[in-house]
Structure formats: C-alpha cells, structure tokens
Amino acid sequence: ELPIPGEITAEAFGLRLIANITGNVDTASMPAKLRTQKPGDRARLRYSFGPKRMKEVLERLKVPPDQRKSWPILEWQGEIVWMRGAELESQAGAAAGLKIETRDLP
C-alpha cells in the first residue's frame, strides 16, 4: 500500500513511487495499492475515448506477453491512476491533483 501523499519502494518491480496531491482531499483513509493486473481491469489512456482493457493497453505499450502478468499498476479509489510507461487519466486523480513520480532502483 502507498499512502497518499507518501512514497514506497517496490523492489519486486524495481522502482520507487512518490505520490503527492495538490487538491484539498482528505486521503488519510485512502491508501493506493501497487499491484499487477486483475481480470476485468480497465484504464483510461490520455487522448483516448473511454476506458481500455489492460490487454489492449499493454499491447499498445508493446509489453511482451511474458511480462504482462508482472507489470506494475497503481490503483486508488477504485481507479487505475498509474502504470509503468502509460499516460493515464483518472477522475479521482484529477480531482485530487494526484501526481505520481517514479524512480528506477539501482
């Protein structure tokens, strides 16, 4: 889990996530969850119409099929707000001014 605002080191994914918000939102009871995809997951790509299935998003990102089951996704308030390599839009993230910064681990 990633507290919002807060940061987490995810060694399994080889990255560090830092989350900040600029809006006036009480987030104390709303941590985000860093995970891999689940059946039925959909995300809204920036500059795209409607939410897309994860399979389609990962194909567009040219993620090899053997890596898709371990691709990192950040879920917050029931929406996918971040995933490696993708520009996503999220209503919850936009309302809170959510900004996710990532750093690869050495």
N, C-alpha and C. Protein backbone atom coordinates (compact mmCIF):
# COMPACT_ATOMS: atom_id res chain seq x y z
N GLU A 1 0.84 -1.20 0.00
CA GLU A 1 0.00 0.00 0.00
C GLU A 1 0.87 1.25 0.00
N LEU A 2 0.38 2.26 -0.67
CA LEU A 2 1.06 3.54 -0.78
C LEU A 2 0.18 4.62 -0.17
N PRO A 3 0.63 5.24 0.94
CA PRO A 3 -0.17 6.33 1.49
C PRO A 3 -0.17 7.51 0.52
N ILE A 4 -1.28 8.22 0.48
CA ILE A 4 -1.41 9.39 -0.40
C ILE A 4 -1.56 10.61 0.50
N PRO A 5 -0.66 11.57 0.53
CA PRO A 5 0.65 11.58 -0.11
C PRO A 5 1.61 10.64 0.63
N GLY A 6 2.63 10.20 -0.09
CA GLY A 6 3.63 9.32 0.51
C GLY A 6 4.52 8.70 -0.55
N GLU A 7 5.34 7.75 -0.11
CA GLU A 7 6.23 7.08 -1.04
C GLU A 7 6.42 5.63 -0.63
N ILE A 8 6.82 4.83 -1.60
CA ILE A 8 7.01 3.40 -1.38
C ILE A 8 8.14 2.92 -2.27
N THR A 9 8.92 1.99 -1.74
CA THR A 9 9.94 1.32 -2.55
C THR A 9 9.40 -0.06 -2.87
N ALA A 10 9.29 -0.35 -4.15
CA ALA A 10 8.75 -1.63 -4.61
C ALA A 10 9.89 -2.39 -5.29
N GLU A 11 10.64 -3.12 -4.50
CA GLU A 11 11.80 -3.84 -5.02
C GLU A 11 11.39 -4.90 -6.05
N ALA A 12 10.23 -5.50 -5.87
CA ALA A 12 9.77 -6.53 -6.81
C ALA A 12 9.59 -5.95 -8.21
N PHE A 13 9.26 -4.67 -8.29
CA PHE A 13 9.08 -4.01 -9.59
C PHE A 13 10.30 -3.18 -9.98
N GLY A 14 11.26 -3.05 -9.08
CA GLY A 14 12.47 -2.29 -9.36
C GLY A 14 12.24 -0.79 -9.45
N LEU A 15 11.31 -0.27 -8.62
CA LEU A 15 11.06 1.16 -8.68
C LEU A 15 10.64 1.73 -7.34
N ARG A 16 10.68 3.05 -7.27
CA ARG A 16 10.24 3.80 -6.11
C ARG A 16 9.16 4.76 -6.61
N LEU A 17 8.02 4.78 -5.92
CA LEU A 17 6.90 5.66 -6.28
C LEU A 17 6.73 6.73 -5.21
N ILE A 18 6.53 7.95 -5.67
CA ILE A 18 6.28 9.07 -4.78
C ILE A 18 4.97 9.71 -5.23
N ALA A 19 3.99 9.79 -4.33
CA ALA A 19 2.68 10.34 -4.66
C ALA A 19 2.45 11.63 -3.89
N ASN A 20 2.00 12.65 -4.59
CA ASN A 20 1.65 13.93 -3.99
C ASN A 20 0.29 14.36 -4.50
N ILE A 21 -0.41 15.17 -3.70
CA ILE A 21 -1.67 15.74 -4.14
C ILE A 21 -1.62 17.25 -3.97
N THR A 22 -2.34 17.95 -4.82
CA THR A 22 -2.38 19.40 -4.73
C THR A 22 -3.77 19.90 -4.35
N GLY A 23 -4.76 19.02 -4.38
CA GLY A 23 -6.13 19.41 -4.03
C GLY A 23 -6.38 19.27 -2.54
N ASN A 24 -7.53 19.75 -2.11
CA ASN A 24 -7.95 19.64 -0.71
C ASN A 24 -8.78 18.39 -0.53
N VAL A 25 -8.10 17.26 -0.40
CA VAL A 25 -8.78 15.97 -0.26
C VAL A 25 -8.26 15.29 0.99
N ASP A 26 -9.17 14.77 1.81
CA ASP A 26 -8.76 14.01 2.99
C ASP A 26 -8.41 12.60 2.53
N THR A 27 -7.13 12.28 2.49
CA THR A 27 -6.68 11.00 1.97
C THR A 27 -6.17 10.06 3.05
N ALA A 28 -6.32 10.41 4.31
CA ALA A 28 -5.75 9.60 5.38
C ALA A 28 -6.25 8.16 5.35
N SER A 29 -7.48 7.95 4.95
CA SER A 29 -8.03 6.60 4.95
C SER A 29 -8.06 5.99 3.55
N MET A 30 -7.36 6.59 2.60
CA MET A 30 -7.43 6.12 1.22
C MET A 30 -6.04 5.82 0.65
N PRO A 31 -5.36 4.80 1.12
CA PRO A 31 -4.07 4.48 0.51
C PRO A 31 -4.27 3.87 -0.88
N ALA A 32 -3.27 4.03 -1.72
CA ALA A 32 -3.29 3.41 -3.04
C ALA A 32 -2.66 2.02 -2.91
N LYS A 33 -2.91 1.18 -3.90
CA LYS A 33 -2.38 -0.17 -3.87
C LYS A 33 -1.58 -0.43 -5.13
N LEU A 34 -0.31 -0.78 -4.96
CA LEU A 34 0.55 -1.15 -6.08
C LEU A 34 0.38 -2.65 -6.28
N ARG A 35 0.03 -3.03 -7.49
CA ARG A 35 -0.27 -4.43 -7.76
C ARG A 35 -0.06 -4.74 -9.23
N THR A 36 -0.35 -5.96 -9.61
CA THR A 36 -0.35 -6.35 -11.03
C THR A 36 -1.80 -6.38 -11.51
N GLN A 37 -1.99 -6.59 -12.78
CA GLN A 37 -3.35 -6.56 -13.33
C GLN A 37 -4.21 -7.70 -12.84
N LYS A 38 -5.52 -7.44 -12.82
CA LYS A 38 -6.52 -8.44 -12.47
C LYS A 38 -7.51 -8.53 -13.62
N PRO A 39 -8.18 -9.66 -13.76
CA PRO A 39 -9.20 -9.77 -14.81
C PRO A 39 -10.24 -8.66 -14.65
N GLY A 40 -10.61 -8.06 -15.75
CA GLY A 40 -11.62 -7.00 -15.73
C GLY A 40 -11.06 -5.61 -15.55
N ASP A 41 -9.75 -5.47 -15.30
CA ASP A 41 -9.15 -4.15 -15.15
C ASP A 41 -9.28 -3.35 -16.44
N ARG A 42 -9.57 -2.08 -16.26
CA ARG A 42 -9.61 -1.15 -17.39
C ARG A 42 -8.96 0.14 -16.95
N ALA A 43 -8.36 0.84 -17.91
CA ALA A 43 -7.72 2.12 -17.63
C ALA A 43 -8.07 3.08 -18.75
N ARG A 44 -8.11 4.34 -18.42
CA ARG A 44 -8.41 5.37 -19.41
C ARG A 44 -7.09 6.01 -19.83
N LEU A 45 -6.71 5.76 -21.08
CA LEU A 45 -5.50 6.36 -21.63
C LEU A 45 -5.75 7.82 -21.96
N ARG A 46 -4.75 8.66 -21.73
CA ARG A 46 -4.86 10.06 -22.11
C ARG A 46 -5.02 10.14 -23.63
N TYR A 47 -5.85 11.01 -24.10
CA TYR A 47 -6.13 11.22 -25.53
C TYR A 47 -6.82 10.01 -26.17
N SER A 48 -7.60 9.28 -25.40
CA SER A 48 -8.31 8.13 -25.92
C SER A 48 -9.77 8.21 -25.47
N PHE A 49 -10.65 7.60 -26.23
CA PHE A 49 -12.06 7.60 -25.87
C PHE A 49 -12.38 6.38 -25.03
N GLY A 50 -12.87 6.59 -23.84
CA GLY A 50 -13.33 5.51 -22.98
C GLY A 50 -12.21 4.66 -22.41
N PRO A 51 -12.54 3.89 -21.38
CA PRO A 51 -11.56 3.01 -20.77
C PRO A 51 -11.21 1.83 -21.69
N LYS A 52 -9.97 1.40 -21.60
CA LYS A 52 -9.46 0.29 -22.42
C LYS A 52 -9.13 -0.89 -21.52
N ARG A 53 -9.30 -2.08 -22.08
CA ARG A 53 -8.92 -3.29 -21.35
C ARG A 53 -7.39 -3.30 -21.19
N MET A 54 -6.92 -3.90 -20.10
CA MET A 54 -5.48 -3.96 -19.84
C MET A 54 -4.73 -4.64 -20.97
N LYS A 55 -5.30 -5.68 -21.53
CA LYS A 55 -4.63 -6.36 -22.64
C LYS A 55 -4.34 -5.39 -23.77
N GLU A 56 -5.32 -4.55 -24.10
CA GLU A 56 -5.14 -3.57 -25.18
C GLU A 56 -4.10 -2.52 -24.81
N VAL A 57 -4.14 -2.04 -23.57
CA VAL A 57 -3.16 -1.04 -23.12
C VAL A 57 -1.75 -1.61 -23.20
N LEU A 58 -1.56 -2.82 -22.70
CA LEU A 58 -0.24 -3.43 -22.70
C LEU A 58 0.24 -3.74 -24.11
N GLU A 59 -0.67 -4.10 -25.00
CA GLU A 59 -0.30 -4.30 -26.41
C GLU A 59 0.16 -2.99 -27.03
N ARG A 60 -0.55 -1.90 -26.74
CA ARG A 60 -0.15 -0.58 -27.26
C ARG A 60 1.22 -0.16 -26.74
N LEU A 61 1.51 -0.53 -25.50
CA LEU A 61 2.82 -0.22 -24.91
C LEU A 61 3.92 -1.16 -25.40
N LYS A 62 3.53 -2.17 -26.17
CA LYS A 62 4.46 -3.18 -26.70
C LYS A 62 5.18 -3.94 -25.59
N VAL A 63 4.41 -4.24 -24.53
CA VAL A 63 4.93 -5.06 -23.44
C VAL A 63 4.87 -6.51 -23.88
N PRO A 64 5.99 -7.23 -23.84
CA PRO A 64 5.97 -8.64 -24.25
C PRO A 64 4.98 -9.44 -23.40
N PRO A 65 4.30 -10.42 -24.02
CA PRO A 65 3.29 -11.20 -23.29
C PRO A 65 3.80 -11.84 -22.00
N ASP A 66 5.06 -12.25 -21.97
CA ASP A 66 5.58 -12.90 -20.76
C ASP A 66 5.80 -11.91 -19.61
N GLN A 67 5.78 -10.61 -19.87
CA GLN A 67 5.97 -9.60 -18.82
C GLN A 67 4.66 -8.98 -18.34
N ARG A 68 3.57 -9.23 -19.04
CA ARG A 68 2.30 -8.56 -18.74
C ARG A 68 1.73 -8.89 -17.38
N LYS A 69 1.90 -10.12 -16.93
CA LYS A 69 1.33 -10.52 -15.63
C LYS A 69 2.07 -9.89 -14.46
N SER A 70 3.25 -9.33 -14.69
CA SER A 70 4.01 -8.70 -13.61
C SER A 70 4.20 -7.20 -13.83
N TRP A 71 3.39 -6.60 -14.71
CA TRP A 71 3.51 -5.17 -14.99
C TRP A 71 2.87 -4.37 -13.86
N PRO A 72 3.57 -3.36 -13.29
CA PRO A 72 3.03 -2.64 -12.13
C PRO A 72 1.89 -1.68 -12.47
N ILE A 73 0.90 -1.69 -11.60
CA ILE A 73 -0.30 -0.85 -11.72
C ILE A 73 -0.57 -0.26 -10.34
N LEU A 74 -0.95 1.02 -10.30
CA LEU A 74 -1.32 1.66 -9.04
C LEU A 74 -2.81 1.97 -9.08
N GLU A 75 -3.54 1.41 -8.12
CA GLU A 75 -4.99 1.62 -8.01
C GLU A 75 -5.28 2.52 -6.82
N TRP A 76 -6.13 3.52 -7.03
CA TRP A 76 -6.53 4.42 -5.95
C TRP A 76 -7.99 4.78 -6.13
N GLN A 77 -8.75 4.64 -5.08
CA GLN A 77 -10.19 4.92 -5.08
C GLN A 77 -10.92 4.16 -6.19
N GLY A 78 -10.51 2.91 -6.42
CA GLY A 78 -11.17 2.05 -7.39
C GLY A 78 -10.81 2.32 -8.84
N GLU A 79 -9.84 3.21 -9.08
CA GLU A 79 -9.41 3.51 -10.44
C GLU A 79 -7.93 3.24 -10.60
N ILE A 80 -7.53 2.85 -11.79
CA ILE A 80 -6.11 2.71 -12.08
C ILE A 80 -5.61 4.11 -12.42
N VAL A 81 -4.71 4.63 -11.58
CA VAL A 81 -4.24 6.00 -11.72
C VAL A 81 -2.83 6.09 -12.30
N TRP A 82 -2.11 4.96 -12.32
CA TRP A 82 -0.75 4.95 -12.86
C TRP A 82 -0.40 3.54 -13.29
N MET A 83 0.37 3.45 -14.36
CA MET A 83 1.02 2.19 -14.73
C MET A 83 2.28 2.55 -15.51
N ARG A 84 3.28 1.71 -15.36
CA ARG A 84 4.57 1.98 -15.98
C ARG A 84 4.42 2.18 -17.49
N GLY A 85 4.96 3.29 -17.99
CA GLY A 85 5.02 3.54 -19.42
C GLY A 85 3.77 4.11 -20.06
N ALA A 86 2.70 4.32 -19.30
CA ALA A 86 1.44 4.80 -19.89
C ALA A 86 1.05 6.16 -19.33
N GLU A 87 0.43 6.97 -20.16
CA GLU A 87 -0.16 8.22 -19.72
C GLU A 87 -1.65 7.96 -19.50
N LEU A 88 -2.06 7.96 -18.24
CA LEU A 88 -3.44 7.64 -17.91
C LEU A 88 -4.18 8.87 -17.41
N GLU A 89 -5.49 8.85 -17.56
CA GLU A 89 -6.37 9.85 -16.98
C GLU A 89 -7.23 9.16 -15.93
N SER A 90 -7.49 9.87 -14.85
CA SER A 90 -8.29 9.32 -13.77
C SER A 90 -9.14 10.44 -13.18
N GLN A 91 -10.42 10.20 -13.00
CA GLN A 91 -11.28 11.22 -12.40
C GLN A 91 -10.87 11.49 -10.96
N ALA A 92 -10.62 10.43 -10.20
CA ALA A 92 -10.22 10.61 -8.80
C ALA A 92 -8.88 11.32 -8.71
N GLY A 93 -7.94 10.92 -9.56
CA GLY A 93 -6.62 11.54 -9.56
C GLY A 93 -6.67 13.00 -9.97
N ALA A 94 -7.49 13.32 -10.97
CA ALA A 94 -7.61 14.70 -11.44
C ALA A 94 -8.25 15.58 -10.37
N ALA A 95 -9.29 15.08 -9.70
CA ALA A 95 -9.99 15.85 -8.67
C ALA A 95 -9.06 16.17 -7.49
N ALA A 96 -8.16 15.25 -7.17
CA ALA A 96 -7.26 15.45 -6.03
C ALA A 96 -5.95 16.12 -6.43
N GLY A 97 -5.71 16.27 -7.73
CA GLY A 97 -4.43 16.81 -8.18
C GLY A 97 -3.30 15.82 -7.91
N LEU A 98 -3.59 14.54 -8.11
CA LEU A 98 -2.63 13.47 -7.83
C LEU A 98 -1.49 13.49 -8.84
N LYS A 99 -0.27 13.50 -8.34
CA LYS A 99 0.93 13.43 -9.17
C LYS A 99 1.78 12.25 -8.69
N ILE A 100 2.15 11.37 -9.61
CA ILE A 100 2.97 10.20 -9.29
C ILE A 100 4.33 10.40 -9.94
N GLU A 101 5.36 10.29 -9.14
CA GLU A 101 6.73 10.36 -9.64
C GLU A 101 7.37 8.99 -9.43
N THR A 102 8.10 8.53 -10.42
CA THR A 102 8.75 7.22 -10.29
C THR A 102 10.25 7.36 -10.48
N ARG A 103 10.95 6.47 -9.82
CA ARG A 103 12.40 6.37 -9.97
C ARG A 103 12.76 4.90 -10.03
N ASP A 104 13.60 4.53 -10.98
CA ASP A 104 14.07 3.17 -11.04
C ASP A 104 15.08 2.93 -9.94
N LEU A 105 15.03 1.75 -9.35
CA LEU A 105 16.00 1.38 -8.32
C LEU A 105 17.30 0.96 -8.99
N PRO A 106 18.42 1.25 -8.33
CA PRO A 106 19.71 0.84 -8.91
C PRO A 106 19.88 -0.66 -8.91
